[in-house]
mmCIF file of all heavy atoms, coordinates in Angstrom:
data_MODEL
# 
_entry.id   MODEL 
# 
loop_
_atom_site.group_PDB 
_atom_site.id 
_atom_site.type_symbol 
_atom_site.label_atom_id 
_atom_site.label_alt_id 
_atom_site.label_comp_id 
_atom_site.label_asym_id 
_atom_site.label_entity_id 
_atom_site.label_seq_id 
_atom_site.pdbx_PDB_ins_code 
_atom_site.Cartn_x 
_atom_site.Cartn_y 
_atom_site.Cartn_z 
_atom_site.occupancy 
_atom_site.B_iso_or_equiv 
_atom_site.pdbx_formal_charge 
_atom_site.auth_seq_id 
_atom_site.auth_comp_id 
_atom_site.auth_asym_id 
_atom_site.auth_atom_id 
_atom_site.pdbx_PDB_model_num 
ATOM 1   N N   . ALA A 1 1  ? 134.155 -7.313  -41.573 1.00 0.00 ? 1  ALA A N   1 
ATOM 2   C CA  . ALA A 1 1  ? 134.250 -5.881  -41.282 1.00 0.00 ? 1  ALA A CA  1 
ATOM 3   C C   . ALA A 1 1  ? 133.033 -5.124  -41.816 1.00 0.00 ? 1  ALA A C   1 
ATOM 4   O O   . ALA A 1 1  ? 132.510 -4.219  -41.149 1.00 0.00 ? 1  ALA A O   1 
ATOM 5   C CB  . ALA A 1 1  ? 135.533 -5.311  -41.884 1.00 0.00 ? 1  ALA A CB  1 
ATOM 6   N N   . ILE A 1 2  ? 132.563 -5.488  -43.002 1.00 0.00 ? 2  ILE A N   1 
ATOM 7   C CA  . ILE A 1 2  ? 131.391 -4.831  -43.582 1.00 0.00 ? 2  ILE A CA  1 
ATOM 8   C C   . ILE A 1 2  ? 130.163 -5.104  -42.712 1.00 0.00 ? 2  ILE A C   1 
ATOM 9   O O   . ILE A 1 2  ? 129.401 -4.196  -42.376 1.00 0.00 ? 2  ILE A O   1 
ATOM 10  C CB  . ILE A 1 2  ? 131.158 -5.304  -45.029 1.00 0.00 ? 2  ILE A CB  1 
ATOM 11  C CG1 . ILE A 1 2  ? 132.290 -4.815  -45.937 1.00 0.00 ? 2  ILE A CG1 1 
ATOM 12  C CG2 . ILE A 1 2  ? 129.810 -4.815  -45.543 1.00 0.00 ? 2  ILE A CG2 1 
ATOM 13  C CD1 . ILE A 1 2  ? 132.273 -5.424  -47.327 1.00 0.00 ? 2  ILE A CD1 1 
ATOM 14  N N   . THR A 1 3  ? 129.972 -6.372  -42.360 1.00 0.00 ? 3  THR A N   1 
ATOM 15  C CA  . THR A 1 3  ? 128.816 -6.757  -41.546 1.00 0.00 ? 3  THR A CA  1 
ATOM 16  C C   . THR A 1 3  ? 128.838 -6.027  -40.211 1.00 0.00 ? 3  THR A C   1 
ATOM 17  O O   . THR A 1 3  ? 127.829 -5.448  -39.778 1.00 0.00 ? 3  THR A O   1 
ATOM 18  C CB  . THR A 1 3  ? 128.807 -8.277  -41.313 1.00 0.00 ? 3  THR A CB  1 
ATOM 19  O OG1 . THR A 1 3  ? 128.862 -8.951  -42.580 1.00 0.00 ? 3  THR A OG1 1 
ATOM 20  C CG2 . THR A 1 3  ? 127.565 -8.714  -40.558 1.00 0.00 ? 3  THR A CG2 1 
ATOM 21  N N   . LYS A 1 4  ? 129.989 -6.034  -39.554 1.00 0.00 ? 4  LYS A N   1 
ATOM 22  C CA  . LYS A 1 4  ? 130.124 -5.375  -38.261 1.00 0.00 ? 4  LYS A CA  1 
ATOM 23  C C   . LYS A 1 4  ? 129.834 -3.883  -38.362 1.00 0.00 ? 4  LYS A C   1 
ATOM 24  O O   . LYS A 1 4  ? 129.111 -3.318  -37.518 1.00 0.00 ? 4  LYS A O   1 
ATOM 25  C CB  . LYS A 1 4  ? 131.542 -5.597  -37.725 1.00 0.00 ? 4  LYS A CB  1 
ATOM 26  C CG  . LYS A 1 4  ? 131.800 -4.938  -36.374 1.00 0.00 ? 4  LYS A CG  1 
ATOM 27  C CD  . LYS A 1 4  ? 133.213 -5.240  -35.888 1.00 0.00 ? 4  LYS A CD  1 
ATOM 28  C CE  . LYS A 1 4  ? 133.457 -4.591  -34.527 1.00 0.00 ? 4  LYS A CE  1 
ATOM 29  N NZ  . LYS A 1 4  ? 134.831 -4.879  -34.017 1.00 0.00 ? 4  LYS A NZ  1 
ATOM 30  N N   . THR A 1 5  ? 130.351 -3.243  -39.386 1.00 0.00 ? 5  THR A N   1 
ATOM 31  C CA  . THR A 1 5  ? 130.179 -1.799  -39.544 1.00 0.00 ? 5  THR A CA  1 
ATOM 32  C C   . THR A 1 5  ? 128.711 -1.442  -39.753 1.00 0.00 ? 5  THR A C   1 
ATOM 33  O O   . THR A 1 5  ? 128.207 -0.456  -39.191 1.00 0.00 ? 5  THR A O   1 
ATOM 34  C CB  . THR A 1 5  ? 131.027 -1.286  -40.721 1.00 0.00 ? 5  THR A CB  1 
ATOM 35  O OG1 . THR A 1 5  ? 132.408 -1.627  -40.481 1.00 0.00 ? 5  THR A OG1 1 
ATOM 36  C CG2 . THR A 1 5  ? 130.902 0.219   -40.874 1.00 0.00 ? 5  THR A CG2 1 
ATOM 37  N N   . ILE A 1 6  ? 128.007 -2.235  -40.542 1.00 0.00 ? 6  ILE A N   1 
ATOM 38  C CA  . ILE A 1 6  ? 126.585 -1.969  -40.792 1.00 0.00 ? 6  ILE A CA  1 
ATOM 39  C C   . ILE A 1 6  ? 125.787 -2.034  -39.489 1.00 0.00 ? 6  ILE A C   1 
ATOM 40  O O   . ILE A 1 6  ? 124.947 -1.166  -39.215 1.00 0.00 ? 6  ILE A O   1 
ATOM 41  C CB  . ILE A 1 6  ? 126.030 -2.955  -41.837 1.00 0.00 ? 6  ILE A CB  1 
ATOM 42  C CG1 . ILE A 1 6  ? 126.580 -2.596  -43.221 1.00 0.00 ? 6  ILE A CG1 1 
ATOM 43  C CG2 . ILE A 1 6  ? 124.498 -2.967  -41.837 1.00 0.00 ? 6  ILE A CG2 1 
ATOM 44  C CD1 . ILE A 1 6  ? 126.280 -3.603  -44.294 1.00 0.00 ? 6  ILE A CD1 1 
ATOM 45  N N   . PHE A 1 7  ? 126.062 -3.037  -38.663 1.00 0.00 ? 7  PHE A N   1 
ATOM 46  C CA  . PHE A 1 7  ? 125.315 -3.163  -37.411 1.00 0.00 ? 7  PHE A CA  1 
ATOM 47  C C   . PHE A 1 7  ? 125.734 -2.116  -36.388 1.00 0.00 ? 7  PHE A C   1 
ATOM 48  O O   . PHE A 1 7  ? 124.886 -1.548  -35.692 1.00 0.00 ? 7  PHE A O   1 
ATOM 49  C CB  . PHE A 1 7  ? 125.485 -4.577  -36.834 1.00 0.00 ? 7  PHE A CB  1 
ATOM 50  C CG  . PHE A 1 7  ? 124.573 -5.583  -37.462 1.00 0.00 ? 7  PHE A CG  1 
ATOM 51  C CD1 . PHE A 1 7  ? 125.016 -6.408  -38.476 1.00 0.00 ? 7  PHE A CD1 1 
ATOM 52  C CD2 . PHE A 1 7  ? 123.249 -5.699  -37.054 1.00 0.00 ? 7  PHE A CD2 1 
ATOM 53  C CE1 . PHE A 1 7  ? 124.169 -7.322  -39.077 1.00 0.00 ? 7  PHE A CE1 1 
ATOM 54  C CE2 . PHE A 1 7  ? 122.387 -6.607  -37.635 1.00 0.00 ? 7  PHE A CE2 1 
ATOM 55  C CZ  . PHE A 1 7  ? 122.852 -7.430  -38.654 1.00 0.00 ? 7  PHE A CZ  1 
ATOM 56  N N   . GLU A 1 8  ? 127.025 -1.839  -36.304 1.00 0.00 ? 8  GLU A N   1 
ATOM 57  C CA  . GLU A 1 8  ? 127.491 -0.926  -35.267 1.00 0.00 ? 8  GLU A CA  1 
ATOM 58  C C   . GLU A 1 8  ? 127.178 0.535   -35.580 1.00 0.00 ? 8  GLU A C   1 
ATOM 59  O O   . GLU A 1 8  ? 127.123 1.364   -34.666 1.00 0.00 ? 8  GLU A O   1 
ATOM 60  C CB  . GLU A 1 8  ? 128.987 -1.125  -35.027 1.00 0.00 ? 8  GLU A CB  1 
ATOM 61  C CG  . GLU A 1 8  ? 129.293 -2.503  -34.434 1.00 0.00 ? 8  GLU A CG  1 
ATOM 62  C CD  . GLU A 1 8  ? 130.683 -2.609  -33.862 1.00 0.00 ? 8  GLU A CD  1 
ATOM 63  O OE1 . GLU A 1 8  ? 131.513 -1.709  -34.122 1.00 0.00 ? 8  GLU A OE1 1 
ATOM 64  O OE2 . GLU A 1 8  ? 130.946 -3.609  -33.156 1.00 0.00 ? 8  GLU A OE2 1 
ATOM 65  N N   . TRP A 1 9  ? 126.972 0.859   -36.851 1.00 0.00 ? 9  TRP A N   1 
ATOM 66  C CA  . TRP A 1 9  ? 126.658 2.239   -37.229 1.00 0.00 ? 9  TRP A CA  1 
ATOM 67  C C   . TRP A 1 9  ? 125.252 2.346   -37.808 1.00 0.00 ? 9  TRP A C   1 
ATOM 68  O O   . TRP A 1 9  ? 124.947 3.260   -38.575 1.00 0.00 ? 9  TRP A O   1 
ATOM 69  C CB  . TRP A 1 9  ? 127.714 2.768   -38.197 1.00 0.00 ? 9  TRP A CB  1 
ATOM 70  C CG  . TRP A 1 9  ? 129.061 2.827   -37.564 1.00 0.00 ? 9  TRP A CG  1 
ATOM 71  C CD1 . TRP A 1 9  ? 130.052 1.911   -37.655 1.00 0.00 ? 9  TRP A CD1 1 
ATOM 72  C CD2 . TRP A 1 9  ? 129.548 3.840   -36.679 1.00 0.00 ? 9  TRP A CD2 1 
ATOM 73  N NE1 . TRP A 1 9  ? 131.142 2.280   -36.893 1.00 0.00 ? 9  TRP A NE1 1 
ATOM 74  C CE2 . TRP A 1 9  ? 130.855 3.471   -36.289 1.00 0.00 ? 9  TRP A CE2 1 
ATOM 75  C CE3 . TRP A 1 9  ? 129.012 5.038   -36.187 1.00 0.00 ? 9  TRP A CE3 1 
ATOM 76  C CZ2 . TRP A 1 9  ? 131.621 4.241   -35.427 1.00 0.00 ? 9  TRP A CZ2 1 
ATOM 77  C CZ3 . TRP A 1 9  ? 129.783 5.807   -35.328 1.00 0.00 ? 9  TRP A CZ3 1 
ATOM 78  C CH2 . TRP A 1 9  ? 131.063 5.412   -34.955 1.00 0.00 ? 9  TRP A CH2 1 
ATOM 79  N N   . LYS A 1 10 ? 124.404 1.424   -37.386 1.00 0.00 ? 10 LYS A N   1 
ATOM 80  C CA  . LYS A 1 10 ? 123.008 1.409   -37.841 1.00 0.00 ? 10 LYS A CA  1 
ATOM 81  C C   . LYS A 1 10 ? 122.292 2.749   -37.659 1.00 0.00 ? 10 LYS A C   1 
ATOM 82  O O   . LYS A 1 10 ? 121.524 3.156   -38.549 1.00 0.00 ? 10 LYS A O   1 
ATOM 83  C CB  . LYS A 1 10 ? 122.260 0.281   -37.121 1.00 0.00 ? 10 LYS A CB  1 
ATOM 84  C CG  . LYS A 1 10 ? 120.767 0.249   -37.370 1.00 0.00 ? 10 LYS A CG  1 
ATOM 85  C CD  . LYS A 1 10 ? 120.115 -0.892  -36.588 1.00 0.00 ? 10 LYS A CD  1 
ATOM 86  C CE  . LYS A 1 10 ? 118.619 -0.755  -36.504 1.00 0.00 ? 10 LYS A CE  1 
ATOM 87  N NZ  . LYS A 1 10 ? 117.987 -1.866  -35.751 1.00 0.00 ? 10 LYS A NZ  1 
ATOM 88  N N   . PRO A 1 11 ? 122.470 3.474   -36.549 1.00 0.00 ? 11 PRO A N   1 
ATOM 89  C CA  . PRO A 1 11 ? 121.769 4.757   -36.412 1.00 0.00 ? 11 PRO A CA  1 
ATOM 90  C C   . PRO A 1 11 ? 122.008 5.710   -37.576 1.00 0.00 ? 11 PRO A C   1 
ATOM 91  O O   . PRO A 1 11 ? 121.120 6.495   -37.935 1.00 0.00 ? 11 PRO A O   1 
ATOM 92  C CB  . PRO A 1 11 ? 122.313 5.316   -35.101 1.00 0.00 ? 11 PRO A CB  1 
ATOM 93  C CG  . PRO A 1 11 ? 122.677 4.098   -34.308 1.00 0.00 ? 11 PRO A CG  1 
ATOM 94  C CD  . PRO A 1 11 ? 123.222 3.129   -35.316 1.00 0.00 ? 11 PRO A CD  1 
ATOM 95  N N   . GLU A 1 12 ? 123.186 5.675   -38.180 1.00 0.00 ? 12 GLU A N   1 
ATOM 96  C CA  . GLU A 1 12 ? 123.458 6.550   -39.319 1.00 0.00 ? 12 GLU A CA  1 
ATOM 97  C C   . GLU A 1 12 ? 122.656 6.111   -40.543 1.00 0.00 ? 12 GLU A C   1 
ATOM 98  O O   . GLU A 1 12 ? 122.305 6.940   -41.397 1.00 0.00 ? 12 GLU A O   1 
ATOM 99  C CB  . GLU A 1 12 ? 124.958 6.579   -39.629 1.00 0.00 ? 12 GLU A CB  1 
ATOM 100 C CG  . GLU A 1 12 ? 125.778 7.217   -38.519 1.00 0.00 ? 12 GLU A CG  1 
ATOM 101 C CD  . GLU A 1 12 ? 127.225 7.463   -38.898 1.00 0.00 ? 12 GLU A CD  1 
ATOM 102 O OE1 . GLU A 1 12 ? 127.545 7.372   -40.115 1.00 0.00 ? 12 GLU A OE1 1 
ATOM 103 O OE2 . GLU A 1 12 ? 128.034 7.754   -37.997 1.00 0.00 ? 12 GLU A OE2 1 
ATOM 104 N N   . LEU A 1 13 ? 122.371 4.826   -40.652 1.00 0.00 ? 13 LEU A N   1 
ATOM 105 C CA  . LEU A 1 13 ? 121.530 4.325   -41.744 1.00 0.00 ? 13 LEU A CA  1 
ATOM 106 C C   . LEU A 1 13 ? 120.073 4.730   -41.518 1.00 0.00 ? 13 LEU A C   1 
ATOM 107 O O   . LEU A 1 13 ? 119.386 5.161   -42.442 1.00 0.00 ? 13 LEU A O   1 
ATOM 108 C CB  . LEU A 1 13 ? 121.641 2.807   -41.863 1.00 0.00 ? 13 LEU A CB  1 
ATOM 109 C CG  . LEU A 1 13 ? 123.041 2.222   -42.048 1.00 0.00 ? 13 LEU A CG  1 
ATOM 110 C CD1 . LEU A 1 13 ? 122.972 0.693   -42.146 1.00 0.00 ? 13 LEU A CD1 1 
ATOM 111 C CD2 . LEU A 1 13 ? 123.712 2.794   -43.289 1.00 0.00 ? 13 LEU A CD2 1 
ATOM 112 N N   . VAL A 1 14 ? 119.610 4.594   -40.279 1.00 0.00 ? 14 VAL A N   1 
ATOM 113 C CA  . VAL A 1 14 ? 118.223 4.943   -39.940 1.00 0.00 ? 14 VAL A CA  1 
ATOM 114 C C   . VAL A 1 14 ? 117.976 6.426   -40.185 1.00 0.00 ? 14 VAL A C   1 
ATOM 115 O O   . VAL A 1 14 ? 116.874 6.826   -40.591 1.00 0.00 ? 14 VAL A O   1 
ATOM 116 C CB  . VAL A 1 14 ? 117.911 4.577   -38.474 1.00 0.00 ? 14 VAL A CB  1 
ATOM 117 C CG1 . VAL A 1 14 ? 116.516 5.034   -38.083 1.00 0.00 ? 14 VAL A CG1 1 
ATOM 118 C CG2 . VAL A 1 14 ? 118.052 3.070   -38.261 1.00 0.00 ? 14 VAL A CG2 1 
ATOM 119 N N   . ALA A 1 15 ? 119.000 7.241   -39.973 1.00 0.00 ? 15 ALA A N   1 
ATOM 120 C CA  . ALA A 1 15 ? 118.859 8.679   -40.193 1.00 0.00 ? 15 ALA A CA  1 
ATOM 121 C C   . ALA A 1 15 ? 118.581 9.010   -41.653 1.00 0.00 ? 15 ALA A C   1 
ATOM 122 O O   . ALA A 1 15 ? 117.984 10.047  -41.963 1.00 0.00 ? 15 ALA A O   1 
ATOM 123 C CB  . ALA A 1 15 ? 120.123 9.408   -39.725 1.00 0.00 ? 15 ALA A CB  1 
ATOM 124 N N   . VAL A 1 16 ? 118.996 8.120   -42.554 1.00 0.00 ? 16 VAL A N   1 
ATOM 125 C CA  . VAL A 1 16 ? 118.764 8.325   -43.983 1.00 0.00 ? 16 VAL A CA  1 
ATOM 126 C C   . VAL A 1 16 ? 117.421 7.749   -44.412 1.00 0.00 ? 16 VAL A C   1 
ATOM 127 O O   . VAL A 1 16 ? 116.683 8.364   -45.175 1.00 0.00 ? 16 VAL A O   1 
ATOM 128 C CB  . VAL A 1 16 ? 119.907 7.710   -44.814 1.00 0.00 ? 16 VAL A CB  1 
ATOM 129 C CG1 . VAL A 1 16 ? 119.590 7.755   -46.312 1.00 0.00 ? 16 VAL A CG1 1 
ATOM 130 C CG2 . VAL A 1 16 ? 121.210 8.428   -44.522 1.00 0.00 ? 16 VAL A CG2 1 
ATOM 131 N N   . HIS A 1 17 ? 117.102 6.539   -43.940 1.00 0.00 ? 17 HIS A N   1 
ATOM 132 C CA  . HIS A 1 17 ? 115.794 5.947   -44.240 1.00 0.00 ? 17 HIS A CA  1 
ATOM 133 C C   . HIS A 1 17 ? 115.362 5.052   -43.092 1.00 0.00 ? 17 HIS A C   1 
ATOM 134 O O   . HIS A 1 17 ? 116.125 4.202   -42.643 1.00 0.00 ? 17 HIS A O   1 
ATOM 135 C CB  . HIS A 1 17 ? 115.816 5.140   -45.546 1.00 0.00 ? 17 HIS A CB  1 
ATOM 136 C CG  . HIS A 1 17 ? 114.446 4.957   -46.130 1.00 0.00 ? 17 HIS A CG  1 
ATOM 137 N ND1 . HIS A 1 17 ? 113.502 4.131   -45.568 1.00 0.00 ? 17 HIS A ND1 1 
ATOM 138 C CD2 . HIS A 1 17 ? 113.860 5.526   -47.211 1.00 0.00 ? 17 HIS A CD2 1 
ATOM 139 C CE1 . HIS A 1 17 ? 112.388 4.192   -46.288 1.00 0.00 ? 17 HIS A CE1 1 
ATOM 140 N NE2 . HIS A 1 17 ? 112.578 5.023   -47.288 1.00 0.00 ? 17 HIS A NE2 1 
ATOM 141 N N   . LYS A 1 18 ? 114.115 5.226   -42.664 1.00 0.00 ? 18 LYS A N   1 
ATOM 142 C CA  . LYS A 1 18 ? 113.646 4.540   -41.466 1.00 0.00 ? 18 LYS A CA  1 
ATOM 143 C C   . LYS A 1 18 ? 113.531 3.030   -41.634 1.00 0.00 ? 18 LYS A C   1 
ATOM 144 O O   . LYS A 1 18 ? 113.472 2.301   -40.639 1.00 0.00 ? 18 LYS A O   1 
ATOM 145 C CB  . LYS A 1 18 ? 112.319 5.115   -40.994 1.00 0.00 ? 18 LYS A CB  1 
ATOM 146 C CG  . LYS A 1 18 ? 111.124 4.829   -41.890 1.00 0.00 ? 18 LYS A CG  1 
ATOM 147 C CD  . LYS A 1 18 ? 109.860 5.412   -41.275 1.00 0.00 ? 18 LYS A CD  1 
ATOM 148 C CE  . LYS A 1 18 ? 108.620 5.041   -42.048 1.00 0.00 ? 18 LYS A CE  1 
ATOM 149 N NZ  . LYS A 1 18 ? 107.393 5.590   -41.422 1.00 0.00 ? 18 LYS A NZ  1 
ATOM 150 N N   . GLU A 1 19 ? 113.529 2.502   -42.880 1.00 0.00 ? 19 GLU A N   1 
ATOM 151 C CA  . GLU A 1 19 ? 113.483 1.046   -43.057 1.00 0.00 ? 19 GLU A CA  1 
ATOM 152 C C   . GLU A 1 19 ? 114.714 0.380   -42.436 1.00 0.00 ? 19 GLU A C   1 
ATOM 153 O O   . GLU A 1 19 ? 114.677 -0.796  -42.078 1.00 0.00 ? 19 GLU A O   1 
ATOM 154 C CB  . GLU A 1 19 ? 113.367 0.672   -44.531 1.00 0.00 ? 19 GLU A CB  1 
ATOM 155 C CG  . GLU A 1 19 ? 111.987 0.889   -45.137 1.00 0.00 ? 19 GLU A CG  1 
ATOM 156 C CD  . GLU A 1 19 ? 110.942 -0.085  -44.637 1.00 0.00 ? 19 GLU A CD  1 
ATOM 157 O OE1 . GLU A 1 19 ? 111.234 -0.889  -43.736 1.00 0.00 ? 19 GLU A OE1 1 
ATOM 158 O OE2 . GLU A 1 19 ? 109.806 -0.045  -45.153 1.00 0.00 ? 19 GLU A OE2 1 
ATOM 159 N N   . ALA A 1 20 ? 115.799 1.132   -42.294 1.00 0.00 ? 20 ALA A N   1 
ATOM 160 C CA  . ALA A 1 20 ? 117.012 0.572   -41.698 1.00 0.00 ? 20 ALA A CA  1 
ATOM 161 C C   . ALA A 1 20 ? 116.818 0.177   -40.245 1.00 0.00 ? 20 ALA A C   1 
ATOM 162 O O   . ALA A 1 20 ? 117.604 -0.610  -39.701 1.00 0.00 ? 20 ALA A O   1 
ATOM 163 C CB  . ALA A 1 20 ? 118.172 1.563   -41.824 1.00 0.00 ? 20 ALA A CB  1 
ATOM 164 N N   . GLN A 1 21 ? 115.757 0.681   -39.598 1.00 0.00 ? 21 GLN A N   1 
ATOM 165 C CA  . GLN A 1 21 ? 115.513 0.309   -38.205 1.00 0.00 ? 21 GLN A CA  1 
ATOM 166 C C   . GLN A 1 21 ? 115.191 -1.177  -38.060 1.00 0.00 ? 21 GLN A C   1 
ATOM 167 O O   . GLN A 1 21 ? 115.296 -1.745  -36.977 1.00 0.00 ? 21 GLN A O   1 
ATOM 168 C CB  . GLN A 1 21 ? 114.366 1.140   -37.634 1.00 0.00 ? 21 GLN A CB  1 
ATOM 169 C CG  . GLN A 1 21 ? 113.011 0.866   -38.238 1.00 0.00 ? 21 GLN A CG  1 
ATOM 170 C CD  . GLN A 1 21 ? 111.953 1.886   -37.834 1.00 0.00 ? 21 GLN A CD  1 
ATOM 171 O OE1 . GLN A 1 21 ? 112.174 2.668   -36.924 1.00 0.00 ? 21 GLN A OE1 1 
ATOM 172 N NE2 . GLN A 1 21 ? 110.833 1.879   -38.522 1.00 0.00 ? 21 GLN A NE2 1 
ATOM 173 N N   . HIS A 1 22 ? 114.820 -1.835  -39.178 1.00 0.00 ? 22 HIS A N   1 
ATOM 174 C CA  . HIS A 1 22 ? 114.480 -3.262  -39.129 1.00 0.00 ? 22 HIS A CA  1 
ATOM 175 C C   . HIS A 1 22 ? 115.706 -4.162  -39.247 1.00 0.00 ? 22 HIS A C   1 
ATOM 176 O O   . HIS A 1 22 ? 115.568 -5.392  -39.165 1.00 0.00 ? 22 HIS A O   1 
ATOM 177 C CB  . HIS A 1 22 ? 113.482 -3.595  -40.234 1.00 0.00 ? 22 HIS A CB  1 
ATOM 178 C CG  . HIS A 1 22 ? 112.191 -2.827  -40.122 1.00 0.00 ? 22 HIS A CG  1 
ATOM 179 N ND1 . HIS A 1 22 ? 111.337 -2.961  -39.052 1.00 0.00 ? 22 HIS A ND1 1 
ATOM 180 C CD2 . HIS A 1 22 ? 111.636 -1.882  -40.929 1.00 0.00 ? 22 HIS A CD2 1 
ATOM 181 C CE1 . HIS A 1 22 ? 110.294 -2.161  -39.209 1.00 0.00 ? 22 HIS A CE1 1 
ATOM 182 N NE2 . HIS A 1 22 ? 110.462 -1.487  -40.330 1.00 0.00 ? 22 HIS A NE2 1 
ATOM 183 N N   . ILE A 1 23 ? 116.864 -3.598  -39.468 1.00 0.00 ? 23 ILE A N   1 
ATOM 184 C CA  . ILE A 1 23 ? 118.092 -4.396  -39.509 1.00 0.00 ? 23 ILE A CA  1 
ATOM 185 C C   . ILE A 1 23 ? 118.423 -4.818  -38.081 1.00 0.00 ? 23 ILE A C   1 
ATOM 186 O O   . ILE A 1 23 ? 118.795 -3.994  -37.248 1.00 0.00 ? 23 ILE A O   1 
ATOM 187 C CB  . ILE A 1 23 ? 119.266 -3.596  -40.117 1.00 0.00 ? 23 ILE A CB  1 
ATOM 188 C CG1 . ILE A 1 23 ? 118.920 -3.121  -41.536 1.00 0.00 ? 23 ILE A CG1 1 
ATOM 189 C CG2 . ILE A 1 23 ? 120.531 -4.448  -40.143 1.00 0.00 ? 23 ILE A CG2 1 
ATOM 190 C CD1 . ILE A 1 23 ? 119.954 -2.175  -42.122 1.00 0.00 ? 23 ILE A CD1 1 
ATOM 191 N N   . ALA A 1 24 ? 118.241 -6.093  -37.793 1.00 0.00 ? 24 ALA A N   1 
ATOM 192 C CA  . ALA A 1 24 ? 118.379 -6.564  -36.407 1.00 0.00 ? 24 ALA A CA  1 
ATOM 193 C C   . ALA A 1 24 ? 119.065 -7.922  -36.371 1.00 0.00 ? 24 ALA A C   1 
ATOM 194 O O   . ALA A 1 24 ? 118.822 -8.774  -37.237 1.00 0.00 ? 24 ALA A O   1 
ATOM 195 C CB  . ALA A 1 24 ? 117.004 -6.658  -35.751 1.00 0.00 ? 24 ALA A CB  1 
ATOM 196 N N   . LEU A 1 25 ? 119.905 -8.124  -35.354 1.00 0.00 ? 25 LEU A N   1 
ATOM 197 C CA  . LEU A 1 25 ? 120.612 -9.401  -35.223 1.00 0.00 ? 25 LEU A CA  1 
ATOM 198 C C   . LEU A 1 25 ? 119.644 -10.574 -35.115 1.00 0.00 ? 25 LEU A C   1 
ATOM 199 O O   . LEU A 1 25 ? 119.884 -11.650 -35.674 1.00 0.00 ? 25 LEU A O   1 
ATOM 200 C CB  . LEU A 1 25 ? 121.530 -9.373  -33.999 1.00 0.00 ? 25 LEU A CB  1 
ATOM 201 C CG  . LEU A 1 25 ? 122.867 -8.648  -34.180 1.00 0.00 ? 25 LEU A CG  1 
ATOM 202 C CD1 . LEU A 1 25 ? 123.536 -8.444  -32.834 1.00 0.00 ? 25 LEU A CD1 1 
ATOM 203 C CD2 . LEU A 1 25 ? 123.775 -9.435  -35.121 1.00 0.00 ? 25 LEU A CD2 1 
# 
């Protein structure tokens, strides 16, 4: 559930810091 949530709500992470854009399957 944690893994899925991080990937499915990635845009909210990117909005905080752009390094999150590199989180990719």
